[in-house]
């Protein structure tokens, strides 16, 4: 059992309460942390990433959906479910690009290896996943993605999140039902 004797709020992110988009995305990030971590488990790098994300959302730096996709990639990496985008996950051949992500092996498969239990992706989506996995979150404002790539990456990452943690976050359903998740 833990006891907290004293605390001081540095930033409460009250600005989120006045914007449905920001509060929905912030809730989604918190829900991702909740489903990915065991209660009481410490993960300081993940804490740093969520704080960075909250400050970027608060200051409206960059496009929020791209930030959330990058955070999802960081979350998977920091909880042990990171995607291998540098080498084929079957034969270990170095890859520059690929068009297939294996859900079984958590990474890319080259054209020479058998492809099953995964998903075909566009080369652009694969390269974006690879780029976002190496990019620091505080630099995410430099990235501009088109709608098709965002949708494709969202599909891959949501499948991986469900497979990895056994739950699908529901926080963004309000935005999706309003048609505002563009």
C-alpha atoms as a PDB file:
ATOM      1  CA  UNK A   1       0.000   0.000   0.000  1.00  0.00           C
ATOM      2  CA  UNK A   2       1.218   3.475  -0.852  1.00  0.00           C
ATOM      3  CA  UNK A   3       0.780   6.629   1.186  1.00  0.00           C
ATOM      4  CA  UNK A   4       1.107  10.122  -0.169  1.00  0.00           C
ATOM      5  CA  UNK A   5       1.719  12.742   2.501  1.00  0.00           C
ATOM      6  CA  UNK A   6       2.005  15.867   0.416  1.00  0.00           C
ATOM      7  CA  UNK A   7       1.752  16.962  -3.190  1.00  0.00           C
ATOM      8  CA  UNK A   8       1.874  20.068  -5.298  1.00  0.00           C
ATOM      9  CA  UNK A   9       0.118  20.528  -8.631  1.00  0.00           C
ATOM     10  CA  UNK A  10       2.502  21.860 -11.254  1.00  0.00           C
ATOM     11  CA  UNK A  11      -0.038  22.004 -14.078  1.00  0.00           C
ATOM     12  CA  UNK A  12      -3.617  20.731 -13.952  1.00  0.00           C
ATOM     13  CA  UNK A  13      -4.266  21.141 -17.697  1.00  0.00           C
ATOM     14  CA  UNK A  14      -7.573  22.906 -17.008  1.00  0.00           C
ATOM     15  CA  UNK A  15      -7.559  24.212 -20.590  1.00  0.00           C
ATOM     16  CA  UNK A  16      -8.595  20.746 -21.779  1.00  0.00           C
ATOM     17  CA  UNK A  17     -11.990  21.124 -20.124  1.00  0.00           C
ATOM     18  CA  UNK A  18     -13.103  23.839 -22.549  1.00  0.00           C
ATOM     19  CA  UNK A  19     -12.410  21.869 -25.747  1.00  0.00           C
ATOM     20  CA  UNK A  20     -14.085  18.557 -26.593  1.00  0.00           C
ATOM     21  CA  UNK A  21     -11.285  17.493 -28.948  1.00  0.00           C
ATOM     22  CA  UNK A  22      -8.504  18.132 -26.459  1.00  0.00           C
ATOM     23  CA  UNK A  23     -10.278  16.502 -23.517  1.00  0.00           C
ATOM     24  CA  UNK A  24     -11.185  13.471 -25.643  1.00  0.00           C
ATOM     25  CA  UNK A  25      -7.635  12.956 -26.865  1.00  0.00           C
ATOM     26  CA  UNK A  26      -6.161  13.560 -23.387  1.00  0.00           C
ATOM     27  CA  UNK A  27      -8.624  11.024 -21.938  1.00  0.00           C
ATOM     28  CA  UNK A  28      -7.637   8.592 -24.656  1.00  0.00           C
ATOM     29  CA  UNK A  29      -3.946   8.927 -23.758  1.00  0.00           C
ATOM     30  CA  UNK A  30      -4.775   8.341 -20.077  1.00  0.00           C
ATOM     31  CA  UNK A  31      -6.871   5.316 -20.988  1.00  0.00           C
ATOM     32  CA  UNK A  32      -3.974   3.919 -23.036  1.00  0.00           C
ATOM     33  CA  UNK A  33      -1.710   4.244 -20.001  1.00  0.00           C
ATOM     34  CA  UNK A  34      -4.356   2.596 -17.830  1.00  0.00           C
ATOM     35  CA  UNK A  35      -4.811  -0.459 -20.053  1.00  0.00           C
ATOM     36  CA  UNK A  36      -1.097  -0.882 -20.770  1.00  0.00           C
ATOM     37  CA  UNK A  37       0.290  -0.723 -17.241  1.00  0.00           C
ATOM     38  CA  UNK A  38      -0.180  -2.857 -14.172  1.00  0.00           C
ATOM     39  CA  UNK A  39      -1.417  -0.854 -11.201  1.00  0.00           C
ATOM     40  CA  UNK A  40       1.513   0.443  -9.164  1.00  0.00           C
ATOM     41  CA  UNK A  41       4.034  -0.221 -11.939  1.00  0.00           C
ATOM     42  CA  UNK A  42       6.525   2.576 -12.593  1.00  0.00           C
ATOM     43  CA  UNK A  43       7.545   3.627 -16.102  1.00  0.00           C
ATOM     44  CA  UNK A  44       9.290   7.002 -15.973  1.00  0.00           C
ATOM     45  CA  UNK A  45      10.003   7.242 -19.726  1.00  0.00           C
ATOM     46  CA  UNK A  46       6.298   6.701 -20.437  1.00  0.00           C
ATOM     47  CA  UNK A  47       5.405   9.343 -17.846  1.00  0.00           C
ATOM     48  CA  UNK A  48       7.742  11.763 -19.638  1.00  0.00           C
ATOM     49  CA  UNK A  49       6.083  10.989 -22.991  1.00  0.00           C
ATOM     50  CA  UNK A  50       2.547  11.588 -21.685  1.00  0.00           C
ATOM     51  CA  UNK A  51       3.602  14.865 -20.077  1.00  0.00           C
ATOM     52  CA  UNK A  52       5.214  15.968 -23.332  1.00  0.00           C
ATOM     53  CA  UNK A  53       2.000  15.023 -25.159  1.00  0.00           C
ATOM     54  CA  UNK A  54      -0.160  16.943 -22.692  1.00  0.00           C
ATOM     55  CA  UNK A  55       1.968  20.079 -23.030  1.00  0.00           C
ATOM     56  CA  UNK A  56       1.845  19.835 -26.833  1.00  0.00           C
ATOM     57  CA  UNK A  57      -1.938  19.421 -26.715  1.00  0.00           C
ATOM     58  CA  UNK A  58      -2.257  22.291 -24.230  1.00  0.00           C
ATOM     59  CA  UNK A  59      -0.210  24.643 -26.403  1.00  0.00           C
ATOM     60  CA  UNK A  60      -1.858  23.402 -29.627  1.00  0.00           C
ATOM     61  CA  UNK A  61       1.516  22.548 -31.151  1.00  0.00           C
ATOM     62  CA  UNK A  62       1.076  20.541 -34.336  1.00  0.00           C
ATOM     63  CA  UNK A  63      -1.746  18.286 -35.407  1.00  0.00           C
ATOM     64  CA  UNK A  64      -3.271  16.392 -32.477  1.00  0.00           C
ATOM     65  CA  UNK A  65      -4.091  13.173 -34.333  1.00  0.00           C
ATOM     66  CA  UNK A  66      -0.506  12.792 -35.556  1.00  0.00           C
ATOM     67  CA  UNK A  67       0.703  13.384 -31.999  1.00  0.00           C
ATOM     68  CA  UNK A  68      -1.607  10.667 -30.703  1.00  0.00           C
ATOM     69  CA  UNK A  69      -0.394   8.170 -33.341  1.00  0.00           C
ATOM     70  CA  UNK A  70       3.218   8.934 -32.366  1.00  0.00           C
ATOM     71  CA  UNK A  71       2.326   8.482 -28.682  1.00  0.00           C
ATOM     72  CA  UNK A  72       0.737   5.105 -29.438  1.00  0.00           C
ATOM     73  CA  UNK A  73       3.986   4.001 -31.087  1.00  0.00           C
ATOM     74  CA  UNK A  74       6.000   5.223 -28.076  1.00  0.00           C
ATOM     75  CA  UNK A  75       3.610   3.426 -25.717  1.00  0.00           C
ATOM     76  CA  UNK A  76       4.025   0.142 -27.578  1.00  0.00           C
ATOM     77  CA  UNK A  77       7.812   0.553 -27.546  1.00  0.00           C
ATOM     78  CA  UNK A  78       8.027   1.477 -23.862  1.00  0.00           C
ATOM     79  CA  UNK A  79       5.814  -1.414 -22.767  1.00  0.00           C
ATOM     80  CA  UNK A  80       7.702  -4.048 -24.749  1.00  0.00           C
ATOM     81  CA  UNK A  81       5.502  -4.300 -27.855  1.00  0.00           C
ATOM     82  CA  UNK A  82       7.493  -2.116 -30.239  1.00  0.00           C
ATOM     83  CA  UNK A  83       7.417  -2.670 -33.984  1.00  0.00           C
ATOM     84  CA  UNK A  84      10.593  -3.802 -35.712  1.00  0.00           C
ATOM     85  CA  UNK A  85      10.770  -1.684 -38.854  1.00  0.00           C
ATOM     86  CA  UNK A  86      14.497  -1.993 -39.530  1.00  0.00           C
ATOM     87  CA  UNK A  87      14.786  -5.717 -40.287  1.00  0.00           C
ATOM     88  CA  UNK A  88      12.529  -8.486 -41.543  1.00  0.00           C
ATOM     89  CA  UNK A  89      11.154 -10.168 -38.434  1.00  0.00           C
ATOM     90  CA  UNK A  90      11.525 -13.611 -40.033  1.00  0.00           C
ATOM     91  CA  UNK A  91      14.880 -13.646 -41.875  1.00  0.00           C
ATOM     92  CA  UNK A  92      16.483 -10.542 -40.250  1.00  0.00           C
ATOM     93  CA  UNK A  93      17.331  -9.012 -43.645  1.00  0.00           C
ATOM     94  CA  UNK A  94      17.821  -5.224 -43.431  1.00  0.00           C
ATOM     95  CA  UNK A  95      14.802  -3.347 -44.766  1.00  0.00           C
ATOM     96  CA  UNK A  96      14.546   0.081 -46.303  1.00  0.00           C
ATOM     97  CA  UNK A  97      10.804  -0.238 -46.727  1.00  0.00           C
ATOM     98  CA  UNK A  98       8.082  -2.857 -46.630  1.00  0.00           C
ATOM     99  CA  UNK A  99       4.394  -3.237 -47.352  1.00  0.00           C
ATOM    100  CA  UNK A 100       3.484  -5.858 -44.756  1.00  0.00           C
ATOM    101  CA  UNK A 101       3.263  -5.707 -40.955  1.00  0.00           C
ATOM    102  CA  UNK A 102       3.148  -8.982 -39.044  1.00  0.00           C
ATOM    103  CA  UNK A 103       0.893  -8.910 -35.998  1.00  0.00           C
ATOM    104  CA  UNK A 104       2.380 -12.196 -34.871  1.00  0.00           C
ATOM    105  CA  UNK A 105       6.009 -11.010 -34.858  1.00  0.00           C
ATOM    106  CA  UNK A 106       5.435  -7.257 -34.341  1.00  0.00           C
ATOM    107  CA  UNK A 107       7.277  -6.000 -37.356  1.00  0.00           C
ATOM    108  CA  UNK A 108       7.859  -5.839 -41.073  1.00  0.00           C
ATOM    109  CA  UNK A 109       8.241  -8.843 -43.345  1.00  0.00           C
ATOM    110  CA  UNK A 110      10.285  -8.716 -46.543  1.00  0.00           C
ATOM    111  CA  UNK A 111       8.989  -9.851 -49.916  1.00  0.00           C
ATOM    112  CA  UNK A 112      11.023 -13.093 -49.739  1.00  0.00           C
ATOM    113  CA  UNK A 113       9.382 -14.443 -46.566  1.00  0.00           C
ATOM    114  CA  UNK A 114       5.948 -15.978 -46.074  1.00  0.00           C
ATOM    115  CA  UNK A 115       3.340 -13.439 -45.006  1.00  0.00           C
ATOM    116  CA  UNK A 116       0.541 -14.425 -42.670  1.00  0.00           C
ATOM    117  CA  UNK A 117      -1.120 -13.109 -39.510  1.00  0.00           C
ATOM    118  CA  UNK A 118      -0.600  -9.515 -40.506  1.00  0.00           C
ATOM    119  CA  UNK A 119      -1.719  -6.710 -42.722  1.00  0.00           C
ATOM    120  CA  UNK A 120      -0.662  -5.211 -46.025  1.00  0.00           C
ATOM    121  CA  UNK A 121       0.124  -1.510 -45.764  1.00  0.00           C
ATOM    122  CA  UNK A 122       1.138   1.140 -48.220  1.00  0.00           C
ATOM    123  CA  UNK A 123       4.829   1.912 -48.455  1.00  0.00           C
ATOM    124  CA  UNK A 124       4.031   5.452 -47.317  1.00  0.00           C
ATOM    125  CA  UNK A 125       2.285   4.209 -44.159  1.00  0.00           C
ATOM    126  CA  UNK A 126       5.156   1.845 -43.368  1.00  0.00           C
ATOM    127  CA  UNK A 127       7.733   4.601 -43.828  1.00  0.00           C
ATOM    128  CA  UNK A 128       5.636   6.896 -41.654  1.00  0.00           C
ATOM    129  CA  UNK A 129       5.485   4.278 -38.889  1.00  0.00           C
ATOM    130  CA  UNK A 130       9.239   3.865 -39.136  1.00  0.00           C
ATOM    131  CA  UNK A 131       9.815   7.631 -39.031  1.00  0.00           C
ATOM    132  CA  UNK A 132       7.416   8.245 -36.122  1.00  0.00           C
ATOM    133  CA  UNK A 133       8.994   5.470 -34.060  1.00  0.00           C
ATOM    134  CA  UNK A 134      12.344   7.267 -34.188  1.00  0.00           C
ATOM    135  CA  UNK A 135      11.058  10.843 -33.851  1.00  0.00           C
ATOM    136  CA  UNK A 136      10.935  12.538 -30.454  1.00  0.00           C
ATOM    137  CA  UNK A 137       7.438  13.677 -29.493  1.00  0.00           C
ATOM    138  CA  UNK A 138       8.498  17.276 -29.028  1.00  0.00           C
ATOM    139  CA  UNK A 139       9.407  17.365 -32.747  1.00  0.00           C
ATOM    140  CA  UNK A 140       6.060  15.950 -33.937  1.00  0.00           C
ATOM    141  CA  UNK A 141       4.763  19.370 -34.972  1.00  0.00           C
ATOM    142  CA  UNK A 142       7.064  19.122 -38.002  1.00  0.00           C
ATOM    143  CA  UNK A 143       5.127  16.152 -39.416  1.00  0.00           C
ATOM    144  CA  UNK A 144       2.146  16.641 -41.698  1.00  0.00           C
ATOM    145  CA  UNK A 145       0.246  13.516 -42.766  1.00  0.00           C
ATOM    146  CA  UNK A 146      -2.616  13.132 -45.195  1.00  0.00           C
ATOM    147  CA  UNK A 147      -5.905  11.602 -44.112  1.00  0.00           C
ATOM    148  CA  UNK A 148      -5.350   8.224 -45.820  1.00  0.00           C
ATOM    149  CA  UNK A 149      -2.009   7.643 -44.086  1.00  0.00           C
ATOM    150  CA  UNK A 150      -3.455   8.655 -40.709  1.00  0.00           C
ATOM    151  CA  UNK A 151      -6.335   6.203 -41.182  1.00  0.00           C
ATOM    152  CA  UNK A 152      -4.015   3.392 -42.233  1.00  0.00           C
ATOM    153  CA  UNK A 153      -1.671   3.952 -39.284  1.00  0.00           C
ATOM    154  CA  UNK A 154      -4.624   4.203 -36.910  1.00  0.00           C
ATOM    155  CA  UNK A 155      -5.917   0.849 -38.150  1.00  0.00           C
ATOM    156  CA  UNK A 156      -2.556  -0.870 -37.634  1.00  0.00           C
ATOM    157  CA  UNK A 157      -1.898   0.664 -34.237  1.00  0.00           C
ATOM    158  CA  UNK A 158      -5.399   0.016 -32.887  1.00  0.00           C
ATOM    159  CA  UNK A 159      -5.069  -3.651 -33.911  1.00  0.00           C
ATOM    160  CA  UNK A 160      -1.682  -3.889 -32.193  1.00  0.00           C
ATOM    161  CA  UNK A 161      -2.945  -2.132 -29.059  1.00  0.00           C
ATOM    162  CA  UNK A 162      -5.910  -4.495 -28.798  1.00  0.00           C
ATOM    163  CA  UNK A 163      -3.692  -7.529 -29.407  1.00  0.00           C
ATOM    164  CA  UNK A 164      -1.045  -6.376 -26.916  1.00  0.00           C
ATOM    165  CA  UNK A 165      -3.230  -5.253 -24.029  1.00  0.00           C
ATOM    166  CA  UNK A 166      -6.477  -7.141 -24.602  1.00  0.00           C
ATOM    167  CA  UNK A 167      -8.606  -3.985 -24.562  1.00  0.00           C
ATOM    168  CA  UNK A 168      -9.567  -1.259 -26.962  1.00  0.00           C
ATOM    169  CA  UNK A 169      -9.751   2.271 -25.566  1.00  0.00           C
ATOM    170  CA  UNK A 170     -13.193   3.839 -25.842  1.00  0.00           C
ATOM    171  CA  UNK A 171     -12.333   7.485 -25.165  1.00  0.00           C
ATOM    172  CA  UNK A 172     -12.373   8.591 -28.801  1.00  0.00           C
ATOM    173  CA  UNK A 173     -15.797   7.123 -29.538  1.00  0.00           C
ATOM    174  CA  UNK A 174     -17.455  10.484 -28.775  1.00  0.00           C
ATOM    175  CA  UNK A 175     -15.363  12.267 -31.405  1.00  0.00           C
ATOM    176  CA  UNK A 176     -15.864   9.461 -33.896  1.00  0.00           C
ATOM    177  CA  UNK A 177     -19.626   9.471 -33.362  1.00  0.00           C
ATOM    178  CA  UNK A 178     -19.718  13.234 -33.928  1.00  0.00           C
ATOM    179  CA  UNK A 179     -17.632  12.842 -37.080  1.00  0.00           C
ATOM    180  CA  UNK A 180     -14.985  15.211 -35.692  1.00  0.00           C
ATOM    181  CA  UNK A 181     -12.044  12.796 -35.752  1.00  0.00           C
ATOM    182  CA  UNK A 182     -10.590  14.097 -39.036  1.00  0.00           C
END
